[in-house]
Amino acid sequence: MLVKIFILFLGGMALIGLIGKWLFPGAIGRAVSKRIAVAKPSRCRACGRYLIGTGGCDCGKKG
């Protein structure tokens, strides 16, 4: 009984995925291109740590 419920659940999820892909064919490509277009976070030039805020890096060097 549990296996039957599991198979029905997976079949339903696959059906929802197929319907979504049919209704919105380019949605995944647009989402991926938006992530690529986002700028990379700034890093300290001296030590390479990520900079959080505008205070600068804790390493003490100008970066």
Protein backbone atom coordinates (compact mmCIF):
# COMPACT_ATOMS: atom_id res chain seq x y z
CA MET A 1 0.00 0.00 0.00
CA LEU A 2 2.79 2.40 0.89
CA VAL A 3 4.63 1.64 -2.36
CA LYS A 4 1.45 2.37 -4.32
CA ILE A 5 1.06 5.76 -2.60
CA PHE A 6 4.71 6.55 -3.27
CA ILE A 7 4.40 5.70 -6.98
CA LEU A 8 1.21 7.76 -7.30
CA PHE A 9 2.90 10.71 -5.59
CA LEU A 10 5.90 10.56 -7.94
CA GLY A 11 3.61 10.20 -10.95
CA GLY A 12 1.60 13.23 -9.83
CA MET A 13 4.75 15.30 -9.36
CA ALA A 14 5.97 14.29 -12.83
CA LEU A 15 2.60 15.26 -14.30
CA ILE A 16 2.73 18.67 -12.58
CA GLY A 17 6.27 19.15 -13.93
CA LEU A 18 5.22 18.29 -17.47
CA ILE A 19 2.23 20.66 -17.32
CA GLY A 20 4.44 23.44 -15.94
CA LYS A 21 7.01 22.89 -18.66
CA TRP A 22 4.27 22.98 -21.28
CA LEU A 23 2.72 26.20 -19.92
CA PHE A 24 5.98 28.04 -19.19
CA PRO A 25 8.60 26.63 -21.60
CA GLY A 26 11.31 29.27 -21.07
CA ALA A 27 10.93 29.87 -17.34
CA ILE A 28 13.93 27.77 -16.27
CA GLY A 29 16.24 29.46 -18.79
CA ARG A 30 15.17 32.91 -17.61
CA ALA A 31 15.75 32.00 -13.95
CA VAL A 32 19.23 30.70 -14.68
CA SER A 33 20.16 33.75 -16.76
CA LYS A 34 19.05 36.06 -13.92
CA ARG A 35 21.38 34.25 -11.51
CA ILE A 36 24.30 34.55 -13.88
CA ALA A 37 23.63 38.26 -14.43
CA VAL A 38 23.82 39.07 -10.70
CA ALA A 39 27.14 40.69 -9.79
CA LYS A 40 29.63 38.68 -7.77
CA PRO A 41 30.13 39.78 -4.15
CA SER A 42 33.04 42.11 -3.45
CA ARG A 43 36.21 40.69 -1.89
CA CYS A 44 39.22 42.17 -0.15
CA ARG A 45 42.11 42.60 -2.57
CA ALA A 46 44.70 41.83 0.09
CA CYS A 47 43.38 38.69 1.80
CA GLY A 48 40.47 37.56 -0.37
CA ARG A 49 37.74 37.60 2.29
CA TYR A 50 34.23 38.66 1.35
CA LEU A 51 33.45 42.27 2.28
CA ILE A 52 30.25 42.80 4.25
CA GLY A 53 28.95 46.35 4.44
CA THR A 54 31.06 49.44 3.80
CA GLY A 55 33.52 49.25 6.71
CA GLY A 56 36.26 47.47 4.84
CA CYS A 57 38.18 44.34 5.76
CA ASP A 58 39.40 43.24 9.19
CA CYS A 59 42.83 42.29 7.88
CA GLY A 60 43.97 45.90 8.32
CA LYS A 61 45.38 46.27 4.83
CA LYS A 62 43.75 48.56 2.34
CA GLY A 63 41.68 46.47 0.01
